[in-house]
Amino acid sequence: MPAGDTCGGGAGRARDCPPQCATAAEYDAAVESLLTTGTILDPRMIYWDVRISAHHPTLEIRIADVPATVEETVTLATLVYALVAQATASIERGEPTPSVDQELLRAACWRAARDGLAGRGVDLGSGQLVPAVDLIWRLLAQVRPILEELDVYRSVHDTLSGTLDRGNGAIRQRRILESGGSFTDVVADAARRTVEGYGPDLRPS
């Protein structure tokens, strides 16, 4: 779980960036320390952006907001799967886990929430601001081998291209308001896009 603080140093916080844990035992110990100190009442109160599920053998990626369309949701889930698969393969090869400064990671999260796709994001390697679009394409290139193994690279690429061309949910909502639309128009557009990809029976009239 690459992050900044070690499991001991970051264990006092139950939200935002998770501590970096070298083993599952270290992760469990970090959660146990939060329980022992009364910081949380049960493991479900761990609100790290990435956490191990308390009920399933999976990772929960909690940082993203809800995508606006089914297509975008599937693409996000596929990218997360590819990242986890790539990280797992790296661990199995015995490669060292990359370490990222915790404050830089928080700054990157803040910048992504502030600017979104239309602005700039933080390059965690250099610490410099770069166009968010460049970071997205760099991510796609990084996980391309996994996506090609799954035979989904082209669909993920095309969905990302379309989303960047027309804007994601936040961009589209602002466009409606900037063009003179009302909040009712924003909600109606969001409802329509939510059921895109479903059958006609689920589409609002």
N, C-alpha and C. Protein backbone atom coordinates (compact mmCIF):
# COMPACT_ATOMS: atom_id res chain seq x y z
N MET A 1 0.85 -1.18 0.00
CA MET A 1 0.00 0.00 0.00
C MET A 1 0.89 1.23 0.00
N PRO A 2 1.30 1.74 -1.18
CA PRO A 2 2.22 2.85 -1.22
C PRO A 2 1.58 4.14 -0.77
N ALA A 3 2.12 4.75 0.24
CA ALA A 3 1.71 6.06 0.70
C ALA A 3 2.93 6.70 1.32
N GLY A 4 2.74 7.58 2.29
CA GLY A 4 3.89 8.27 2.80
C GLY A 4 4.35 7.79 4.15
N ASP A 5 3.54 7.96 5.18
CA ASP A 5 3.95 7.57 6.51
C ASP A 5 4.09 6.06 6.62
N THR A 6 4.95 5.64 7.56
CA THR A 6 5.00 4.22 7.86
C THR A 6 3.75 3.84 8.61
N CYS A 7 3.50 2.55 8.76
CA CYS A 7 2.29 2.12 9.45
C CYS A 7 2.24 2.68 10.87
N GLY A 8 3.37 2.71 11.55
CA GLY A 8 3.36 3.25 12.90
C GLY A 8 3.15 4.74 12.92
N GLY A 9 3.84 5.47 12.01
CA GLY A 9 3.76 6.92 12.02
C GLY A 9 2.44 7.47 11.58
N GLY A 10 1.71 6.74 10.71
CA GLY A 10 0.45 7.26 10.20
C GLY A 10 -0.77 6.64 10.82
N ALA A 11 -0.56 5.81 11.84
CA ALA A 11 -1.69 5.04 12.37
C ALA A 11 -2.67 5.88 13.17
N GLY A 12 -2.29 7.09 13.56
CA GLY A 12 -3.18 7.90 14.37
C GLY A 12 -4.27 8.58 13.58
N ARG A 13 -4.23 8.46 12.25
CA ARG A 13 -5.26 9.09 11.42
C ARG A 13 -6.12 8.01 10.78
N ALA A 14 -7.42 8.20 10.84
CA ALA A 14 -8.32 7.19 10.30
C ALA A 14 -8.96 7.65 9.00
N ARG A 15 -8.46 8.74 8.42
CA ARG A 15 -9.01 9.20 7.16
C ARG A 15 -7.89 9.71 6.26
N ASP A 16 -8.24 10.07 5.06
CA ASP A 16 -7.40 10.51 3.94
C ASP A 16 -6.36 9.46 3.56
N CYS A 17 -5.10 9.82 3.38
CA CYS A 17 -4.10 8.91 2.85
C CYS A 17 -3.76 7.81 3.86
N PRO A 18 -3.73 6.56 3.43
CA PRO A 18 -3.39 5.48 4.36
C PRO A 18 -1.89 5.46 4.63
N PRO A 19 -1.49 4.87 5.77
CA PRO A 19 -0.06 4.70 6.02
C PRO A 19 0.52 3.64 5.11
N GLN A 20 1.82 3.67 4.92
CA GLN A 20 2.47 2.65 4.11
C GLN A 20 2.78 1.43 4.97
N CYS A 21 2.23 0.30 4.58
CA CYS A 21 2.41 -0.94 5.35
C CYS A 21 3.14 -1.96 4.49
N ALA A 22 4.20 -2.54 5.06
CA ALA A 22 4.99 -3.50 4.31
C ALA A 22 4.31 -4.88 4.27
N THR A 23 3.48 -5.16 5.26
CA THR A 23 2.82 -6.47 5.34
C THR A 23 1.38 -6.29 5.80
N ALA A 24 0.61 -7.36 5.63
CA ALA A 24 -0.77 -7.35 6.12
C ALA A 24 -0.80 -7.24 7.64
N ALA A 25 0.19 -7.83 8.28
CA ALA A 25 0.25 -7.76 9.75
C ALA A 25 0.45 -6.32 10.21
N GLU A 26 1.26 -5.55 9.50
CA GLU A 26 1.44 -4.15 9.85
C GLU A 26 0.15 -3.37 9.68
N TYR A 27 -0.56 -3.67 8.62
CA TYR A 27 -1.85 -3.02 8.40
C TYR A 27 -2.82 -3.33 9.53
N ASP A 28 -2.90 -4.62 9.89
CA ASP A 28 -3.79 -5.02 10.98
C ASP A 28 -3.40 -4.34 12.28
N ALA A 29 -2.09 -4.20 12.52
CA ALA A 29 -1.62 -3.55 13.74
C ALA A 29 -1.99 -2.07 13.75
N ALA A 30 -1.95 -1.43 12.59
CA ALA A 30 -2.33 -0.02 12.50
C ALA A 30 -3.81 0.16 12.82
N VAL A 31 -4.64 -0.73 12.29
CA VAL A 31 -6.07 -0.67 12.58
C VAL A 31 -6.32 -0.96 14.06
N GLU A 32 -5.61 -1.94 14.60
CA GLU A 32 -5.79 -2.30 16.00
C GLU A 32 -5.42 -1.14 16.92
N SER A 33 -4.38 -0.37 16.55
CA SER A 33 -3.99 0.76 17.39
C SER A 33 -5.07 1.83 17.41
N LEU A 34 -5.77 2.00 16.30
CA LEU A 34 -6.87 2.96 16.25
C LEU A 34 -8.04 2.49 17.11
N LEU A 35 -8.26 1.19 17.11
CA LEU A 35 -9.32 0.63 17.95
C LEU A 35 -8.96 0.75 19.43
N THR A 36 -7.72 0.42 19.76
CA THR A 36 -7.28 0.44 21.15
C THR A 36 -7.34 1.84 21.75
N THR A 37 -6.98 2.84 20.95
CA THR A 37 -6.96 4.22 21.44
C THR A 37 -8.32 4.89 21.38
N GLY A 38 -9.32 4.18 20.85
CA GLY A 38 -10.65 4.76 20.76
C GLY A 38 -10.82 5.74 19.62
N THR A 39 -9.82 5.81 18.73
CA THR A 39 -9.94 6.70 17.57
C THR A 39 -11.08 6.27 16.67
N ILE A 40 -11.28 4.96 16.55
CA ILE A 40 -12.41 4.40 15.82
C ILE A 40 -13.10 3.38 16.71
N LEU A 41 -14.36 3.09 16.42
CA LEU A 41 -15.12 2.12 17.20
C LEU A 41 -15.10 0.73 16.59
N ASP A 42 -14.95 0.66 15.27
CA ASP A 42 -14.84 -0.62 14.60
C ASP A 42 -14.11 -0.39 13.27
N PRO A 43 -13.61 -1.45 12.61
CA PRO A 43 -12.81 -1.29 11.39
C PRO A 43 -13.54 -0.57 10.25
N ARG A 44 -14.86 -0.56 10.29
CA ARG A 44 -15.60 0.13 9.23
C ARG A 44 -15.43 1.64 9.30
N MET A 45 -14.90 2.13 10.42
CA MET A 45 -14.68 3.56 10.57
C MET A 45 -13.31 4.00 10.05
N ILE A 46 -12.60 3.09 9.41
CA ILE A 46 -11.37 3.46 8.69
C ILE A 46 -11.79 4.16 7.41
N TYR A 47 -11.47 5.43 7.30
CA TYR A 47 -11.89 6.19 6.12
C TYR A 47 -10.72 6.56 5.23
N TRP A 48 -9.68 5.72 5.23
CA TRP A 48 -8.57 5.97 4.33
C TRP A 48 -9.05 5.91 2.88
N ASP A 49 -8.35 6.63 2.02
CA ASP A 49 -8.72 6.65 0.60
C ASP A 49 -8.63 5.26 -0.02
N VAL A 50 -7.72 4.45 0.50
CA VAL A 50 -7.60 3.04 0.09
C VAL A 50 -7.54 2.22 1.37
N ARG A 51 -8.36 1.18 1.45
CA ARG A 51 -8.33 0.35 2.64
C ARG A 51 -8.63 -1.10 2.25
N ILE A 52 -8.24 -2.01 3.13
CA ILE A 52 -8.55 -3.41 2.93
C ILE A 52 -9.97 -3.65 3.46
N SER A 53 -10.77 -4.35 2.69
CA SER A 53 -12.14 -4.64 3.12
C SER A 53 -12.13 -5.48 4.38
N ALA A 54 -13.04 -5.16 5.29
CA ALA A 54 -13.17 -5.93 6.53
C ALA A 54 -13.97 -7.21 6.32
N HIS A 55 -14.58 -7.36 5.13
CA HIS A 55 -15.47 -8.50 4.90
C HIS A 55 -15.10 -9.34 3.69
N HIS A 56 -14.31 -8.79 2.78
CA HIS A 56 -13.97 -9.51 1.55
C HIS A 56 -12.46 -9.39 1.30
N PRO A 57 -11.87 -10.33 0.56
CA PRO A 57 -10.43 -10.27 0.27
C PRO A 57 -10.14 -9.28 -0.87
N THR A 58 -10.51 -8.04 -0.66
CA THR A 58 -10.38 -7.03 -1.70
C THR A 58 -9.84 -5.73 -1.13
N LEU A 59 -9.38 -4.87 -2.03
CA LEU A 59 -9.06 -3.50 -1.68
C LEU A 59 -10.24 -2.61 -2.01
N GLU A 60 -10.51 -1.64 -1.17
CA GLU A 60 -11.57 -0.67 -1.43
C GLU A 60 -10.92 0.66 -1.78
N ILE A 61 -11.20 1.15 -2.97
CA ILE A 61 -10.68 2.44 -3.42
C ILE A 61 -11.80 3.45 -3.20
N ARG A 62 -11.61 4.34 -2.23
CA ARG A 62 -12.71 5.17 -1.75
C ARG A 62 -12.58 6.64 -2.15
N ILE A 63 -11.51 6.99 -2.82
CA ILE A 63 -11.23 8.41 -3.01
C ILE A 63 -12.10 9.05 -4.09
N ALA A 64 -12.50 8.28 -5.09
CA ALA A 64 -13.20 8.86 -6.23
C ALA A 64 -14.66 9.17 -5.89
N ASP A 65 -15.18 10.22 -6.51
CA ASP A 65 -16.60 10.50 -6.43
C ASP A 65 -17.33 9.53 -7.36
N VAL A 66 -18.65 9.56 -7.34
CA VAL A 66 -19.43 8.67 -8.18
C VAL A 66 -19.37 9.16 -9.63
N PRO A 67 -18.89 8.34 -10.57
CA PRO A 67 -18.88 8.75 -11.98
C PRO A 67 -20.29 9.01 -12.48
N ALA A 68 -20.38 9.81 -13.53
CA ALA A 68 -21.69 10.27 -14.00
C ALA A 68 -22.42 9.24 -14.86
N THR A 69 -21.69 8.33 -15.47
CA THR A 69 -22.32 7.37 -16.38
C THR A 69 -21.86 5.95 -16.06
N VAL A 70 -22.61 4.99 -16.56
CA VAL A 70 -22.24 3.59 -16.39
C VAL A 70 -20.91 3.33 -17.06
N GLU A 71 -20.72 3.86 -18.26
CA GLU A 71 -19.48 3.65 -19.01
C GLU A 71 -18.27 4.17 -18.23
N GLU A 72 -18.39 5.35 -17.64
CA GLU A 72 -17.29 5.91 -16.86
C GLU A 72 -17.04 5.09 -15.61
N THR A 73 -18.10 4.58 -14.99
CA THR A 73 -17.95 3.75 -13.79
C THR A 73 -17.20 2.46 -14.09
N VAL A 74 -17.56 1.82 -15.19
CA VAL A 74 -16.89 0.58 -15.59
C VAL A 74 -15.42 0.86 -15.91
N THR A 75 -15.16 1.97 -16.56
CA THR A 75 -13.78 2.32 -16.90
C THR A 75 -12.95 2.58 -15.65
N LEU A 76 -13.51 3.30 -14.68
CA LEU A 76 -12.80 3.54 -13.43
C LEU A 76 -12.50 2.23 -12.72
N ALA A 77 -13.49 1.35 -12.64
CA ALA A 77 -13.29 0.06 -11.98
C ALA A 77 -12.21 -0.77 -12.69
N THR A 78 -12.18 -0.70 -14.01
CA THR A 78 -11.19 -1.44 -14.78
C THR A 78 -9.79 -0.90 -14.54
N LEU A 79 -9.65 0.41 -14.47
CA LEU A 79 -8.34 1.01 -14.20
C LEU A 79 -7.85 0.64 -12.80
N VAL A 80 -8.76 0.66 -11.83
CA VAL A 80 -8.39 0.27 -10.46
C VAL A 80 -7.94 -1.19 -10.44
N TYR A 81 -8.69 -2.05 -11.11
CA TYR A 81 -8.32 -3.46 -11.16
C TYR A 81 -6.94 -3.62 -11.77
N ALA A 82 -6.67 -2.90 -12.85
CA ALA A 82 -5.38 -3.01 -13.53
C ALA A 82 -4.24 -2.52 -12.63
N LEU A 83 -4.48 -1.45 -11.88
CA LEU A 83 -3.45 -0.95 -10.97
C LEU A 83 -3.14 -1.95 -9.87
N VAL A 84 -4.19 -2.56 -9.30
CA VAL A 84 -3.98 -3.55 -8.24
C VAL A 84 -3.27 -4.78 -8.80
N ALA A 85 -3.68 -5.22 -9.98
CA ALA A 85 -3.04 -6.38 -10.61
C ALA A 85 -1.57 -6.09 -10.88
N GLN A 86 -1.28 -4.90 -11.35
CA GLN A 86 0.10 -4.52 -11.63
C GLN A 86 0.93 -4.45 -10.35
N ALA A 87 0.36 -3.87 -9.30
CA ALA A 87 1.07 -3.78 -8.02
C ALA A 87 1.31 -5.17 -7.43
N THR A 88 0.31 -6.05 -7.54
CA THR A 88 0.46 -7.41 -7.03
C THR A 88 1.58 -8.15 -7.74
N ALA A 89 1.63 -8.00 -9.06
CA ALA A 89 2.69 -8.66 -9.84
C ALA A 89 4.06 -8.11 -9.45
N SER A 90 4.13 -6.82 -9.19
CA SER A 90 5.39 -6.20 -8.78
C SER A 90 5.86 -6.76 -7.44
N ILE A 91 4.93 -6.91 -6.50
CA ILE A 91 5.27 -7.47 -5.19
C ILE A 91 5.75 -8.91 -5.33
N GLU A 92 5.07 -9.69 -6.17
CA GLU A 92 5.44 -11.09 -6.36
C GLU A 92 6.82 -11.22 -6.99
N ARG A 93 7.23 -10.21 -7.76
CA ARG A 93 8.57 -10.22 -8.36
C ARG A 93 9.64 -9.75 -7.37
N GLY A 94 9.20 -9.32 -6.19
CA GLY A 94 10.15 -8.86 -5.19
C GLY A 94 10.64 -7.44 -5.39
N GLU A 95 9.94 -6.67 -6.19
CA GLU A 95 10.35 -5.29 -6.45
C GLU A 95 10.01 -4.41 -5.26
N PRO A 96 10.84 -3.40 -4.97
CA PRO A 96 10.57 -2.53 -3.82
C PRO A 96 9.32 -1.69 -4.04
N THR A 97 8.62 -1.45 -2.95
CA THR A 97 7.41 -0.63 -3.02
C THR A 97 7.79 0.85 -3.10
N PRO A 98 7.26 1.59 -4.06
CA PRO A 98 7.58 3.02 -4.13
C PRO A 98 7.03 3.76 -2.92
N SER A 99 7.79 4.72 -2.44
CA SER A 99 7.37 5.50 -1.29
C SER A 99 7.14 6.94 -1.73
N VAL A 100 6.00 7.49 -1.34
CA VAL A 100 5.64 8.85 -1.71
C VAL A 100 5.46 9.68 -0.45
N ASP A 101 6.04 10.86 -0.43
CA ASP A 101 5.90 11.74 0.72
C ASP A 101 4.42 11.99 1.02
N GLN A 102 4.04 11.84 2.29
CA GLN A 102 2.63 11.95 2.67
C GLN A 102 2.05 13.32 2.36
N GLU A 103 2.80 14.36 2.63
CA GLU A 103 2.28 15.70 2.38
C GLU A 103 2.12 15.96 0.89
N LEU A 104 3.05 15.45 0.09
CA LEU A 104 2.92 15.60 -1.36
C LEU A 104 1.70 14.84 -1.86
N LEU A 105 1.46 13.68 -1.29
CA LEU A 105 0.29 12.89 -1.68
C LEU A 105 -1.00 13.63 -1.33
N ARG A 106 -1.03 14.23 -0.15
CA ARG A 106 -2.22 15.01 0.23
C ARG A 106 -2.40 16.20 -0.70
N ALA A 107 -1.29 16.85 -1.04
CA ALA A 107 -1.37 18.00 -1.95
C ALA A 107 -1.89 17.57 -3.31
N ALA A 108 -1.47 16.39 -3.76
CA ALA A 108 -1.94 15.89 -5.05
C ALA A 108 -3.44 15.62 -5.01
N CYS A 109 -3.92 15.04 -3.91
CA CYS A 109 -5.36 14.78 -3.76
C CYS A 109 -6.14 16.09 -3.74
N TRP A 110 -5.63 17.07 -2.99
CA TRP A 110 -6.30 18.36 -2.92
C TRP A 110 -6.36 19.02 -4.29
N ARG A 111 -5.24 18.96 -5.02
CA ARG A 111 -5.19 19.60 -6.33
C ARG A 111 -6.15 18.93 -7.31
N ALA A 112 -6.21 17.60 -7.24
CA ALA A 112 -7.12 16.87 -8.14
C ALA A 112 -8.57 17.24 -7.85
N ALA A 113 -8.92 17.37 -6.56
CA ALA A 113 -10.28 17.75 -6.21
C ALA A 113 -10.57 19.19 -6.62
N ARG A 114 -9.57 20.05 -6.53
CA ARG A 114 -9.76 21.48 -6.85
C ARG A 114 -9.87 21.71 -8.35
N ASP A 115 -8.96 21.10 -9.12
CA ASP A 115 -8.87 21.39 -10.55
C ASP A 115 -9.66 20.43 -11.42
N GLY A 116 -9.76 19.17 -11.00
CA GLY A 116 -10.42 18.19 -11.84
C GLY A 116 -9.68 17.93 -13.13
N LEU A 117 -10.41 17.45 -14.14
CA LEU A 117 -9.79 17.11 -15.42
C LEU A 117 -9.33 18.33 -16.20
N ALA A 118 -9.95 19.46 -15.94
CA ALA A 118 -9.66 20.64 -16.75
C ALA A 118 -8.42 21.40 -16.29
N GLY A 119 -7.87 21.04 -15.13
CA GLY A 119 -6.75 21.80 -14.58
C GLY A 119 -5.45 21.03 -14.61
N ARG A 120 -4.65 21.25 -13.57
CA ARG A 120 -3.36 20.60 -13.46
C ARG A 120 -3.33 19.70 -12.23
N GLY A 121 -2.49 18.68 -12.32
CA GLY A 121 -2.32 17.76 -11.21
C GLY A 121 -0.86 17.68 -10.82
N VAL A 122 -0.60 16.99 -9.73
CA VAL A 122 0.76 16.89 -9.21
C VAL A 122 1.43 15.62 -9.74
N ASP A 123 2.58 15.80 -10.36
CA ASP A 123 3.41 14.66 -10.75
C ASP A 123 4.14 14.20 -9.50
N LEU A 124 3.80 13.01 -8.98
CA LEU A 124 4.38 12.55 -7.73
C LEU A 124 5.86 12.22 -7.84
N GLY A 125 6.33 12.05 -9.06
CA GLY A 125 7.75 11.79 -9.25
C GLY A 125 8.60 13.03 -9.10
N SER A 126 8.13 14.13 -9.70
CA SER A 126 8.90 15.37 -9.69
C SER A 126 8.37 16.39 -8.70
N GLY A 127 7.11 16.22 -8.26
CA GLY A 127 6.50 17.21 -7.39
C GLY A 127 6.02 18.45 -8.11
N GLN A 128 6.05 18.41 -9.44
CA GLN A 128 5.66 19.56 -10.25
C GLN A 128 4.22 19.44 -10.74
N LEU A 129 3.63 20.60 -11.06
CA LEU A 129 2.29 20.61 -11.63
C LEU A 129 2.36 20.36 -13.13
N VAL A 130 1.50 19.47 -13.60
CA VAL A 130 1.41 19.16 -15.02
C VAL A 130 -0.07 19.07 -15.38
N PRO A 131 -0.42 19.20 -16.66
CA PRO A 131 -1.83 19.05 -17.04
C PRO A 131 -2.40 17.71 -16.58
N ALA A 132 -3.59 17.76 -16.00
CA ALA A 132 -4.23 16.54 -15.52
C ALA A 132 -4.39 15.52 -16.63
N VAL A 133 -4.65 16.01 -17.84
CA VAL A 133 -4.82 15.10 -18.98
C VAL A 133 -3.55 14.29 -19.21
N ASP A 134 -2.39 14.93 -19.05
CA ASP A 134 -1.13 14.21 -19.24
C ASP A 134 -0.98 13.08 -18.22
N LEU A 135 -1.40 13.33 -16.99
CA LEU A 135 -1.31 12.30 -15.95
C LEU A 135 -2.23 11.12 -16.27
N ILE A 136 -3.39 11.42 -16.85
CA ILE A 136 -4.32 10.35 -17.20
C ILE A 136 -3.74 9.45 -18.28
N TRP A 137 -3.18 10.07 -19.32
CA TRP A 137 -2.60 9.26 -20.39
C TRP A 137 -1.36 8.51 -19.91
N ARG A 138 -0.63 9.09 -18.96
CA ARG A 138 0.52 8.39 -18.39
C ARG A 138 0.06 7.17 -17.60
N LEU A 139 -1.04 7.33 -16.87
CA LEU A 139 -1.61 6.20 -16.14
C LEU A 139 -2.03 5.09 -17.10
N LEU A 140 -2.69 5.47 -18.18
CA LEU A 140 -3.14 4.47 -19.14
C LEU A 140 -1.95 3.71 -19.72
N ALA A 141 -0.88 4.44 -20.05
CA ALA A 141 0.31 3.77 -20.59
C ALA A 141 0.92 2.82 -19.56
N GLN A 142 0.88 3.20 -18.29
CA GLN A 142 1.45 2.38 -17.23
C GLN A 142 0.74 1.03 -17.12
N VAL A 143 -0.58 1.05 -17.20
CA VAL A 143 -1.34 -0.20 -17.00
C VAL A 143 -1.72 -0.86 -18.32
N ARG A 144 -1.24 -0.34 -19.44
CA ARG A 144 -1.61 -0.90 -20.74
C ARG A 144 -1.35 -2.41 -20.85
N PRO A 145 -0.20 -2.92 -20.37
CA PRO A 145 0.01 -4.37 -20.49
C PRO A 145 -1.09 -5.20 -19.81
N ILE A 146 -1.54 -4.75 -18.65
CA ILE A 146 -2.61 -5.47 -17.95
C ILE A 146 -3.90 -5.38 -18.73
N LEU A 147 -4.22 -4.18 -19.22
CA LEU A 147 -5.46 -4.00 -19.97
C LEU A 147 -5.46 -4.82 -21.26
N GLU A 148 -4.30 -4.94 -21.89
CA GLU A 148 -4.23 -5.73 -23.12
C GLU A 148 -4.40 -7.22 -22.81
N GLU A 149 -3.87 -7.66 -21.66
CA GLU A 149 -4.09 -9.05 -21.26
C GLU A 149 -5.58 -9.33 -21.06
N LEU A 150 -6.29 -8.33 -20.56
CA LEU A 150 -7.73 -8.47 -20.33
C LEU A 150 -8.55 -8.20 -21.58
N ASP A 151 -7.87 -7.76 -22.65
CA ASP A 151 -8.53 -7.42 -23.92
C ASP A 151 -9.52 -6.27 -23.76
N VAL A 152 -9.16 -5.28 -22.94
CA VAL A 152 -10.05 -4.14 -22.73
C VAL A 152 -9.32 -2.81 -22.96
N TYR A 153 -8.10 -2.87 -23.44
CA TYR A 153 -7.35 -1.62 -23.60
C TYR A 153 -8.07 -0.64 -24.52
N ARG A 154 -8.55 -1.11 -25.66
CA ARG A 154 -9.18 -0.20 -26.62
C ARG A 154 -10.44 0.41 -26.05
N SER A 155 -11.26 -0.35 -25.34
CA SER A 155 -12.49 0.22 -24.79
C SER A 155 -12.17 1.26 -23.71
N VAL A 156 -11.17 0.99 -22.86
CA VAL A 156 -10.78 1.96 -21.84
C VAL A 156 -10.22 3.21 -22.49
N HIS A 157 -9.39 3.04 -23.50
CA HIS A 157 -8.81 4.19 -24.21
C HIS A 157 -9.91 5.04 -24.82
N ASP A 158 -10.86 4.40 -25.48
CA ASP A 158 -11.92 5.16 -26.15
C ASP A 158 -12.82 5.89 -25.15
N THR A 159 -13.12 5.24 -24.02
CA THR A 159 -13.95 5.89 -23.01
C THR A 159 -13.22 7.10 -22.43
N LEU A 160 -11.94 6.95 -22.12
CA LEU A 160 -11.17 8.08 -21.61
C LEU A 160 -11.13 9.22 -22.63
N SER A 161 -10.91 8.88 -23.89
CA SER A 161 -10.87 9.91 -24.93
C SER A 161 -12.19 10.65 -25.00
N GLY A 162 -13.30 9.91 -24.98
CA GLY A 162 -14.61 10.55 -25.04
C GLY A 162 -14.89 11.41 -23.83
N THR A 163 -14.51 10.93 -22.65
CA THR A 163 -14.75 11.70 -21.43
C THR A 163 -13.93 12.98 -21.43
N LEU A 164 -12.69 12.90 -21.88
CA LEU A 164 -11.85 14.09 -21.93
C LEU A 164 -12.35 15.08 -22.98
N ASP A 165 -12.91 14.57 -24.07
CA ASP A 165 -13.41 15.45 -25.13
C ASP A 165 -14.67 16.20 -24.70
N ARG A 166 -15.60 15.49 -24.05
CA ARG A 166 -16.88 16.12 -23.73
C ARG A 166 -16.96 16.58 -22.27
N GLY A 167 -15.99 16.14 -21.45
CA GLY A 167 -15.98 16.53 -20.05
C GLY A 167 -16.65 15.49 -19.18
N ASN A 168 -16.22 15.42 -17.94
CA ASN A 168 -16.86 14.49 -17.01
C ASN A 168 -18.09 15.14 -16.39
N GLY A 169 -18.66 14.50 -15.37
CA GLY A 169 -19.90 15.02 -14.79
C GLY A 169 -19.77 16.42 -14.25
N ALA A 170 -18.68 16.71 -13.54
CA ALA A 170 -18.50 18.04 -12.95
C ALA A 170 -18.41 19.11 -14.02
N ILE A 171 -17.66 18.83 -15.07
CA ILE A 171 -17.50 19.80 -16.16
C ILE A 171 -18.82 20.04 -16.86
N ARG A 172 -19.55 18.97 -17.13
CA ARG A 172 -20.82 19.12 -17.83
C ARG A 172 -21.83 19.89 -16.99
N GLN A 173 -21.83 19.66 -15.68
CA GLN A 173 -22.77 20.39 -14.82
C GLN A 173 -22.46 21.88 -14.81
N ARG A 174 -21.19 22.22 -14.76
CA ARG A 174 -20.83 23.64 -14.79
C ARG A 174 -21.19 24.28 -16.13
N ARG A 175 -21.04 23.53 -17.20
CA ARG A 175 -21.40 24.06 -18.52
C ARG A 175 -22.88 24.41 -18.60
N ILE A 176 -23.71 23.55 -18.01
CA ILE A 176 -25.15 23.80 -18.03
C ILE A 176 -25.46 25.11 -17.30
N LEU A 177 -24.87 25.29 -16.13
CA LEU A 177 -25.12 26.51 -15.36
C LEU A 177 -24.55 27.73 -16.06
N GLU A 178 -23.36 27.59 -16.65
CA GLU A 178 -22.74 28.73 -17.32
C GLU A 178 -23.50 29.15 -18.57
N SER A 179 -24.24 28.20 -19.15
CA SER A 179 -25.01 28.51 -20.35
C SER A 179 -26.42 29.02 -20.03
N GLY A 180 -26.69 29.26 -18.75
CA GLY A 180 -27.98 29.80 -18.35
C GLY A 180 -28.96 28.78 -17.83
N GLY A 181 -28.54 27.53 -17.71
CA GLY A 181 -29.42 26.50 -17.19
C GLY A 181 -29.62 26.63 -15.69
N SER A 182 -30.62 25.93 -15.19
CA SER A 182 -30.94 25.96 -13.77
C SER A 182 -30.41 24.71 -13.09
N PHE A 183 -30.52 24.67 -11.75
CA PHE A 183 -30.14 23.47 -11.03
C PHE A 183 -31.06 22.30 -11.40
N THR A 184 -32.28 22.62 -11.74
CA THR A 184 -33.20 21.57 -12.21
C THR A 184 -32.68 20.95 -13.49
N ASP A 185 -32.14 21.78 -14.38
CA ASP A 185 -31.56 21.27 -15.62
C ASP A 185 -30.35 20.39 -15.32
N VAL A 186 -29.55 20.78 -14.34
CA VAL A 186 -28.38 19.98 -13.96
C VAL A 186 -28.81 18.60 -13.47
N VAL A 187 -29.84 18.57 -12.61
CA VAL A 187 -30.32 17.29 -12.07
C VAL A 187 -30.91 16.43 -13.18
N ALA A 188 -31.66 17.06 -14.08
CA ALA A 188 -32.27 16.30 -15.18
C ALA A 188 -31.20 15.69 -16.08
N ASP A 189 -30.15 16.45 -16.36
CA ASP A 189 -29.07 15.93 -17.19
C ASP A 189 -28.35 14.79 -16.47
N ALA A 190 -28.11 14.95 -15.16
CA ALA A 190 -27.44 13.90 -14.40
C ALA A 190 -28.28 12.62 -14.39
N ALA A 191 -29.59 12.76 -14.24
CA ALA A 191 -30.48 11.60 -14.23
C ALA A 191 -30.45 10.89 -15.57
N ARG A 192 -30.46 11.68 -16.64
CA ARG A 192 -30.43 11.07 -17.97
C ARG A 192 -29.14 10.32 -18.21
N ARG A 193 -28.03 10.91 -17.82
CA ARG A 193 -26.73 10.27 -18.06
C ARG A 193 -26.53 9.05 -17.16
N THR A 194 -27.16 9.06 -16.00
CA THR A 194 -27.00 7.94 -15.07
C THR A 194 -27.51 6.64 -15.67
N VAL A 195 -28.57 6.71 -16.45
CA VAL A 195 -29.16 5.49 -17.01
C VAL A 195 -28.71 5.22 -18.43
N GLU A 196 -27.76 6.00 -18.95
CA GLU A 196 -27.22 5.70 -20.27
C GLU A 196 -26.57 4.33 -20.24
N GLY A 197 -26.85 3.53 -21.23
CA GLY A 197 -26.31 2.19 -21.27
C GLY A 197 -27.28 1.14 -20.76
N TYR A 198 -28.34 1.59 -20.09
CA TYR A 198 -29.38 0.65 -19.66
C TYR A 198 -30.46 0.57 -20.74
N GLY A 199 -31.38 -0.32 -20.52
CA GLY A 199 -32.49 -0.46 -21.46
C GLY A 199 -33.44 0.72 -21.37
N PRO A 200 -34.29 0.88 -22.36
CA PRO A 200 -35.19 2.05 -22.42
C PRO A 200 -36.18 2.11 -21.27
N ASP A 201 -36.47 0.99 -20.62
CA ASP A 201 -37.45 1.01 -19.54
C ASP A 201 -36.96 1.80 -18.32
N LEU A 202 -35.63 1.96 -18.18
CA LEU A 202 -35.08 2.66 -17.03
C LEU A 202 -34.81 4.12 -17.32
N ARG A 203 -35.01 4.56 -18.55
CA ARG A 203 -34.70 5.95 -18.89
C ARG A 203 -35.85 6.85 -18.51
N PRO A 204 -35.50 8.04 -17.92
CA PRO A 204 -36.57 8.96 -17.53
C PRO A 204 -37.31 9.48 -18.72
N SER A 205 -38.61 9.70 -18.58
CA SER A 205 -39.43 10.20 -19.69
C SER A 205 -39.28 11.71 -19.80
